[in-house]
Amino acid sequence: MEWAGVDYGSKMAGTTVIAWAERQVLYLAQSQKKKDADRWLRQWVTEHQPRQLYLDAPLSLPGVYLAPDQYSDYFYRAADKAVQAMSPMFLGGLTARAMRLSHELEGLHCTTLEAYPGHLSKMIGLDGKRYKKDKGYLEAATSVILGHLPGYQLQEATANWHQVDALLAFCSGYRHQNGQAEVYGSIAEGQIVV
C-alpha cells in the first residue's frame, strides 16, 4: 500500500480515523473510545504497511525552538500562517504525540507527512458554514471529496466529520502522490501537504 490518510484525535476519545484504498475501494477505520489510538494506529501500520501516512496533526515545532537566530515566532511555523492552521504550541500534547508517532513509524518504514484537511476543504469548495457543523452535510461533502479522487469509491458512507477529515487527508495524499499537491512551509521548519 502506498499511503493512507489519518484524522488524528485525542488519544482515548475514539476520534482517530484512518482512510486507505485497496483496488480503488476506500475504507475507513475508527479507533474505539477508551482505547489507546496511538497503539491502534501503530498496529494498523504494522499490518497494512503503508509507505506514507498523511496525518492531520503538527509534526514539528516553530523553528525558533531549534534555531533561534533564524526564526522569531514562538507560536506559528510559516506553514501554519500560510494555511491559517492552529499553533502547534496551542495543540501541545497532540503535537508531541504526533511527533513521537512519526518517529516510531520510521522504524516500520512508514514516512509521516503533515496534512491539513481544513485547508483542503476550502480548496475543493466544501461549504464552510456546514463543514464540521452540519451532520446532514456529510453525504454531500463526501461526494465532493470523491469527485477529487477519480476512480475511487467508498466502501461505506461516512458517519461523522472525523471520517470526512480522514478522507480529506487521504485526498491530500492522492494529490501529493500525483504531483498535484500544494506544499506549504519549509523542510527545515516543517511542511504541510494539501
C-alpha atoms as a PDB file:
ATOM      1  CA  MET A   1       0.000   0.000   0.000  1.00  0.00           C
ATOM      2  CA  GLU A   2       1.338   3.391  -0.929  1.00  0.00           C
ATOM      3  CA  TRP A   3      -0.405   5.722   1.545  1.00  0.00           C
ATOM      4  CA  ALA A   4      -3.246   6.361   3.983  1.00  0.00           C
ATOM      5  CA  GLY A   5      -4.861   9.491   5.414  1.00  0.00           C
ATOM      6  CA  VAL A   6      -5.359   9.946   9.152  1.00  0.00           C
ATOM      7  CA  ASP A   7      -7.541  12.281  11.171  1.00  0.00           C
ATOM      8  CA  TYR A   8      -5.587  12.259  14.426  1.00  0.00           C
ATOM      9  CA  GLY A   9      -7.724  12.763  17.515  1.00  0.00           C
ATOM     10  CA  SER A  10      -7.369  12.648  21.276  1.00  0.00           C
ATOM     11  CA  LYS A  11      -5.650   9.502  22.477  1.00  0.00           C
ATOM     12  CA  MET A  12      -8.610   7.850  24.215  1.00  0.00           C
ATOM     13  CA  ALA A  13     -11.597   9.643  22.612  1.00  0.00           C
ATOM     14  CA  GLY A  14     -12.255   7.246  19.739  1.00  0.00           C
ATOM     15  CA  THR A  15     -11.868  10.031  17.182  1.00  0.00           C
ATOM     16  CA  THR A  16      -8.794   8.888  15.247  1.00  0.00           C
ATOM     17  CA  VAL A  17      -9.719   7.636  11.774  1.00  0.00           C
ATOM     18  CA  ILE A  18      -7.669   6.005   9.011  1.00  0.00           C
ATOM     19  CA  ALA A  19      -8.689   6.194   5.334  1.00  0.00           C
ATOM     20  CA  TRP A  20      -6.971   3.921   2.802  1.00  0.00           C
ATOM     21  CA  ALA A  21      -7.645   2.223  -0.506  1.00  0.00           C
ATOM     22  CA  GLU A  22      -7.412  -1.304  -1.790  1.00  0.00           C
ATOM     23  CA  ARG A  23      -8.032  -1.718  -5.531  1.00  0.00           C
ATOM     24  CA  GLN A  24      -9.664   1.735  -5.757  1.00  0.00           C
ATOM     25  CA  VAL A  25     -12.082   0.968  -2.897  1.00  0.00           C
ATOM     26  CA  LEU A  26     -11.763   3.380   0.018  1.00  0.00           C
ATOM     27  CA  TYR A  27     -12.008   2.017   3.549  1.00  0.00           C
ATOM     28  CA  LEU A  28     -12.374   3.798   6.874  1.00  0.00           C
ATOM     29  CA  ALA A  29     -11.405   2.507  10.313  1.00  0.00           C
ATOM     30  CA  GLN A  30     -12.029   4.429  13.526  1.00  0.00           C
ATOM     31  CA  SER A  31     -10.383   3.971  16.907  1.00  0.00           C
ATOM     32  CA  GLN A  32     -12.527   2.936  19.872  1.00  0.00           C
ATOM     33  CA  LYS A  33     -13.353   5.111  22.858  1.00  0.00           C
ATOM     34  CA  LYS A  34     -11.235   4.405  25.944  1.00  0.00           C
ATOM     35  CA  LYS A  35      -8.655   2.551  23.815  1.00  0.00           C
ATOM     36  CA  ASP A  36      -5.172   3.884  23.013  1.00  0.00           C
ATOM     37  CA  ALA A  37      -5.426   5.371  19.498  1.00  0.00           C
ATOM     38  CA  ASP A  38      -1.642   5.555  19.101  1.00  0.00           C
ATOM     39  CA  ARG A  39      -1.204   1.843  19.829  1.00  0.00           C
ATOM     40  CA  TRP A  40      -4.111   1.060  17.467  1.00  0.00           C
ATOM     41  CA  LEU A  41      -2.557   3.187  14.712  1.00  0.00           C
ATOM     42  CA  ARG A  42       0.887   1.582  15.111  1.00  0.00           C
ATOM     43  CA  GLN A  43      -0.736  -1.861  14.929  1.00  0.00           C
ATOM     44  CA  TRP A  44      -2.651  -0.848  11.783  1.00  0.00           C
ATOM     45  CA  VAL A  45       0.588   0.373  10.143  1.00  0.00           C
ATOM     46  CA  THR A  46       2.343  -2.884  11.094  1.00  0.00           C
ATOM     47  CA  GLU A  47      -0.458  -4.928   9.492  1.00  0.00           C
ATOM     48  CA  HIS A  48      -1.073  -2.816   6.349  1.00  0.00           C
ATOM     49  CA  GLN A  49       2.462  -1.477   5.771  1.00  0.00           C
ATOM     50  CA  PRO A  50       1.708   1.836   4.044  1.00  0.00           C
ATOM     51  CA  ARG A  51       4.782   3.681   2.761  1.00  0.00           C
ATOM     52  CA  GLN A  52       3.370   7.041   3.823  1.00  0.00           C
ATOM     53  CA  LEU A  53       0.783   8.415   6.233  1.00  0.00           C
ATOM     54  CA  TYR A  54      -0.755  11.856   5.696  1.00  0.00           C
ATOM     55  CA  LEU A  55      -1.511  12.878   9.269  1.00  0.00           C
ATOM     56  CA  ASP A  56      -3.800  15.718  10.340  1.00  0.00           C
ATOM     57  CA  ALA A  57      -1.566  16.937  13.186  1.00  0.00           C
ATOM     58  CA  PRO A  58       1.534  19.118  13.541  1.00  0.00           C
ATOM     59  CA  LEU A  59       4.769  17.172  13.105  1.00  0.00           C
ATOM     60  CA  SER A  60       7.161  19.919  14.157  1.00  0.00           C
ATOM     61  CA  LEU A  61       7.534  22.962  16.389  1.00  0.00           C
ATOM     62  CA  PRO A  62       8.165  26.536  15.279  1.00  0.00           C
ATOM     63  CA  GLY A  63      11.735  26.929  14.042  1.00  0.00           C
ATOM     64  CA  VAL A  64      12.706  29.306  16.850  1.00  0.00           C
ATOM     65  CA  TYR A  65      12.997  26.310  19.200  1.00  0.00           C
ATOM     66  CA  LEU A  66      15.758  24.754  17.064  1.00  0.00           C
ATOM     67  CA  ALA A  67      17.372  27.814  15.500  1.00  0.00           C
ATOM     68  CA  PRO A  68      16.576  30.968  17.490  1.00  0.00           C
ATOM     69  CA  ASP A  69      18.936  33.032  15.339  1.00  0.00           C
ATOM     70  CA  GLN A  70      16.956  32.162  12.176  1.00  0.00           C
ATOM     71  CA  TYR A  71      13.346  32.365  13.410  1.00  0.00           C
ATOM     72  CA  SER A  72      11.436  34.714  15.690  1.00  0.00           C
ATOM     73  CA  ASP A  73       7.904  33.319  16.046  1.00  0.00           C
ATOM     74  CA  TYR A  74       7.378  31.194  19.156  1.00  0.00           C
ATOM     75  CA  PHE A  75       3.833  30.152  18.242  1.00  0.00           C
ATOM     76  CA  TYR A  76       3.479  29.552  14.492  1.00  0.00           C
ATOM     77  CA  ARG A  77       5.506  27.972  11.737  1.00  0.00           C
ATOM     78  CA  ALA A  78       5.467  29.547   8.262  1.00  0.00           C
ATOM     79  CA  ALA A  79       3.242  26.663   7.092  1.00  0.00           C
ATOM     80  CA  ASP A  80       0.680  27.371   9.838  1.00  0.00           C
ATOM     81  CA  LYS A  81       0.485  31.007   8.806  1.00  0.00           C
ATOM     82  CA  ALA A  82       0.101  30.112   5.125  1.00  0.00           C
ATOM     83  CA  VAL A  83      -2.921  27.862   5.705  1.00  0.00           C
ATOM     84  CA  GLN A  84      -4.241  29.608   8.829  1.00  0.00           C
ATOM     85  CA  ALA A  85      -3.763  26.499  10.970  1.00  0.00           C
ATOM     86  CA  MET A  86      -3.717  26.378  14.757  1.00  0.00           C
ATOM     87  CA  SER A  87      -0.410  26.798  16.508  1.00  0.00           C
ATOM     88  CA  PRO A  88       1.424  23.530  17.242  1.00  0.00           C
ATOM     89  CA  MET A  89       2.077  25.072  20.660  1.00  0.00           C
ATOM     90  CA  PHE A  90      -1.646  25.515  21.320  1.00  0.00           C
ATOM     91  CA  LEU A  91      -2.186  21.872  20.360  1.00  0.00           C
ATOM     92  CA  GLY A  92       0.627  20.867  22.758  1.00  0.00           C
ATOM     93  CA  GLY A  93       0.005  17.258  23.710  1.00  0.00           C
ATOM     94  CA  LEU A  94      -1.417  16.349  20.288  1.00  0.00           C
ATOM     95  CA  THR A  95       1.695  17.796  18.631  1.00  0.00           C
ATOM     96  CA  ALA A  96       4.006  15.862  20.970  1.00  0.00           C
ATOM     97  CA  ARG A  97       2.099  12.611  20.378  1.00  0.00           C
ATOM     98  CA  ALA A  98       2.167  13.130  16.595  1.00  0.00           C
ATOM     99  CA  MET A  99       5.904  13.847  16.604  1.00  0.00           C
ATOM    100  CA  ARG A 100       6.578  10.736  18.695  1.00  0.00           C
ATOM    101  CA  LEU A 101       4.321   8.588  16.499  1.00  0.00           C
ATOM    102  CA  SER A 102       6.063   9.848  13.358  1.00  0.00           C
ATOM    103  CA  HIS A 103       9.428   8.892  14.833  1.00  0.00           C
ATOM    104  CA  GLU A 104       8.147   5.427  15.832  1.00  0.00           C
ATOM    105  CA  LEU A 105       6.649   4.789  12.380  1.00  0.00           C
ATOM    106  CA  GLU A 106      10.017   5.437  10.746  1.00  0.00           C
ATOM    107  CA  GLY A 107      11.094   2.150  12.337  1.00  0.00           C
ATOM    108  CA  LEU A 108       8.226   0.490  10.445  1.00  0.00           C
ATOM    109  CA  HIS A 109       9.435   2.028   7.149  1.00  0.00           C
ATOM    110  CA  CYS A 110       6.492   4.433   7.072  1.00  0.00           C
ATOM    111  CA  THR A 111       7.091   8.146   6.445  1.00  0.00           C
ATOM    112  CA  THR A 112       4.644  10.560   8.054  1.00  0.00           C
ATOM    113  CA  LEU A 113       3.695  13.781   6.274  1.00  0.00           C
ATOM    114  CA  GLU A 114       1.566  16.539   7.752  1.00  0.00           C
ATOM    115  CA  ALA A 115      -1.786  17.219   6.084  1.00  0.00           C
ATOM    116  CA  TYR A 116      -4.401  19.834   6.871  1.00  0.00           C
ATOM    117  CA  PRO A 117      -7.921  18.738   5.848  1.00  0.00           C
ATOM    118  CA  GLY A 118      -9.428  22.098   6.843  1.00  0.00           C
ATOM    119  CA  HIS A 119      -7.428  23.892   4.161  1.00  0.00           C
ATOM    120  CA  LEU A 120      -8.141  21.260   1.511  1.00  0.00           C
ATOM    121  CA  SER A 121     -11.861  21.534   2.324  1.00  0.00           C
ATOM    122  CA  LYS A 122     -11.708  25.206   1.295  1.00  0.00           C
ATOM    123  CA  MET A 123      -9.655  24.486  -1.827  1.00  0.00           C
ATOM    124  CA  ILE A 124     -12.142  21.928  -3.167  1.00  0.00           C
ATOM    125  CA  GLY A 125     -15.189  24.032  -2.347  1.00  0.00           C
ATOM    126  CA  LEU A 126     -16.798  22.438   0.697  1.00  0.00           C
ATOM    127  CA  ASP A 127     -19.381  24.719   2.305  1.00  0.00           C
ATOM    128  CA  GLY A 128     -17.517  26.353   5.185  1.00  0.00           C
ATOM    129  CA  LYS A 129     -20.751  27.092   7.025  1.00  0.00           C
ATOM    130  CA  ARG A 130     -21.691  23.407   7.058  1.00  0.00           C
ATOM    131  CA  TYR A 131     -18.300  21.623   7.126  1.00  0.00           C
ATOM    132  CA  LYS A 132     -17.829  20.045  10.590  1.00  0.00           C
ATOM    133  CA  LYS A 133     -21.065  21.656  11.799  1.00  0.00           C
ATOM    134  CA  ASP A 134     -23.960  20.021   9.967  1.00  0.00           C
ATOM    135  CA  LYS A 135     -24.204  16.215  10.073  1.00  0.00           C
ATOM    136  CA  GLY A 136     -26.773  16.475   7.280  1.00  0.00           C
ATOM    137  CA  TYR A 137     -23.957  17.707   5.021  1.00  0.00           C
ATOM    138  CA  LEU A 138     -21.788  14.568   5.471  1.00  0.00           C
ATOM    139  CA  GLU A 139     -23.049  12.839   2.320  1.00  0.00           C
ATOM    140  CA  ALA A 140     -22.694  15.909   0.098  1.00  0.00           C
ATOM    141  CA  ALA A 141     -19.235  16.721   1.491  1.00  0.00           C
ATOM    142  CA  THR A 142     -18.114  13.130   0.915  1.00  0.00           C
ATOM    143  CA  SER A 143     -19.394  13.316  -2.653  1.00  0.00           C
ATOM    144  CA  VAL A 144     -17.345  16.469  -3.319  1.00  0.00           C
ATOM    145  CA  ILE A 145     -14.207  14.752  -1.969  1.00  0.00           C
ATOM    146  CA  LEU A 146     -14.814  11.645  -4.095  1.00  0.00           C
ATOM    147  CA  GLY A 147     -15.062  13.957  -7.110  1.00  0.00           C
ATOM    148  CA  HIS A 148     -11.384  14.735  -6.485  1.00  0.00           C
ATOM    149  CA  LEU A 149     -10.461  11.044  -6.274  1.00  0.00           C
ATOM    150  CA  PRO A 150     -11.212   9.771  -9.796  1.00  0.00           C
ATOM    151  CA  GLY A 151     -11.869   6.042  -9.980  1.00  0.00           C
ATOM    152  CA  TYR A 152     -12.223   5.597  -6.210  1.00  0.00           C
ATOM    153  CA  GLN A 153     -15.394   4.501  -4.482  1.00  0.00           C
ATOM    154  CA  LEU A 154     -16.182   4.456  -0.791  1.00  0.00           C
ATOM    155  CA  GLN A 155     -16.904   1.080   0.776  1.00  0.00           C
ATOM    156  CA  GLU A 156     -19.468   2.565   3.187  1.00  0.00           C
ATOM    157  CA  ALA A 157     -20.856   6.030   3.865  1.00  0.00           C
ATOM    158  CA  THR A 158     -19.081   8.399   6.233  1.00  0.00           C
ATOM    159  CA  ALA A 159     -20.708   8.518   9.663  1.00  0.00           C
ATOM    160  CA  ASN A 160     -19.011  11.577  11.193  1.00  0.00           C
ATOM    161  CA  TRP A 161     -16.705  14.507  10.453  1.00  0.00           C
ATOM    162  CA  HIS A 162     -13.616  12.653  11.695  1.00  0.00           C
ATOM    163  CA  GLN A 163     -14.143  10.178   8.859  1.00  0.00           C
ATOM    164  CA  VAL A 164     -14.560  13.047   6.375  1.00  0.00           C
ATOM    165  CA  ASP A 165     -11.291  14.583   7.586  1.00  0.00           C
ATOM    166  CA  ALA A 166      -9.515  11.228   7.171  1.00  0.00           C
ATOM    167  CA  LEU A 167     -10.815  11.125   3.580  1.00  0.00           C
ATOM    168  CA  LEU A 168      -9.530  14.666   3.061  1.00  0.00           C
ATOM    169  CA  ALA A 169      -6.121  13.592   4.427  1.00  0.00           C
ATOM    170  CA  PHE A 170      -6.202  10.630   2.007  1.00  0.00           C
ATOM    171  CA  CYS A 171      -7.085  13.084  -0.787  1.00  0.00           C
ATOM    172  CA  SER A 172      -4.051  15.214   0.152  1.00  0.00           C
ATOM    173  CA  GLY A 173      -2.004  12.026  -0.187  1.00  0.00           C
ATOM    174  CA  TYR A 174      -3.553  11.321  -3.593  1.00  0.00           C
ATOM    175  CA  ARG A 175      -2.718  14.857  -4.717  1.00  0.00           C
ATOM    176  CA  HIS A 176       0.846  14.537  -3.395  1.00  0.00           C
ATOM    177  CA  GLN A 177       1.414  11.121  -4.981  1.00  0.00           C
ATOM    178  CA  ASN A 178       0.235  12.534  -8.327  1.00  0.00           C
ATOM    179  CA  GLY A 179       2.246  15.761  -8.225  1.00  0.00           C
ATOM    180  CA  GLN A 180      -0.860  17.940  -7.672  1.00  0.00           C
ATOM    181  CA  ALA A 181      -0.400  18.912  -4.026  1.00  0.00           C
ATOM    182  CA  GLU A 182       0.480  22.315  -2.680  1.00  0.00           C
ATOM    183  CA  VAL A 183       3.230  22.183  -0.066  1.00  0.00           C
ATOM    184  CA  TYR A 184       3.471  24.992   2.483  1.00  0.00           C
ATOM    185  CA  GLY A 185       6.390  25.832   4.755  1.00  0.00           C
ATOM    186  CA  SER A 186       9.972  24.615   4.587  1.00  0.00           C
ATOM    187  CA  ILE A 187      11.753  21.329   5.118  1.00  0.00           C
ATOM    188  CA  ALA A 188      13.786  22.920   7.902  1.00  0.00           C
ATOM    189  CA  GLU A 189      10.778  24.099   9.943  1.00  0.00           C
ATOM    190  CA  GLY A 190       8.014  21.775   8.803  1.00  0.00           C
ATOM    191  CA  GLN A 191       5.741  21.383   5.810  1.00  0.00           C
ATOM    192  CA  ILE A 192       2.015  20.925   5.344  1.00  0.00           C
ATOM    193  CA  VAL A 193       0.881  18.958   2.264  1.00  0.00           C
ATOM    194  CA  VAL A 194      -2.541  19.865   0.866  1.00  0.00           C
END
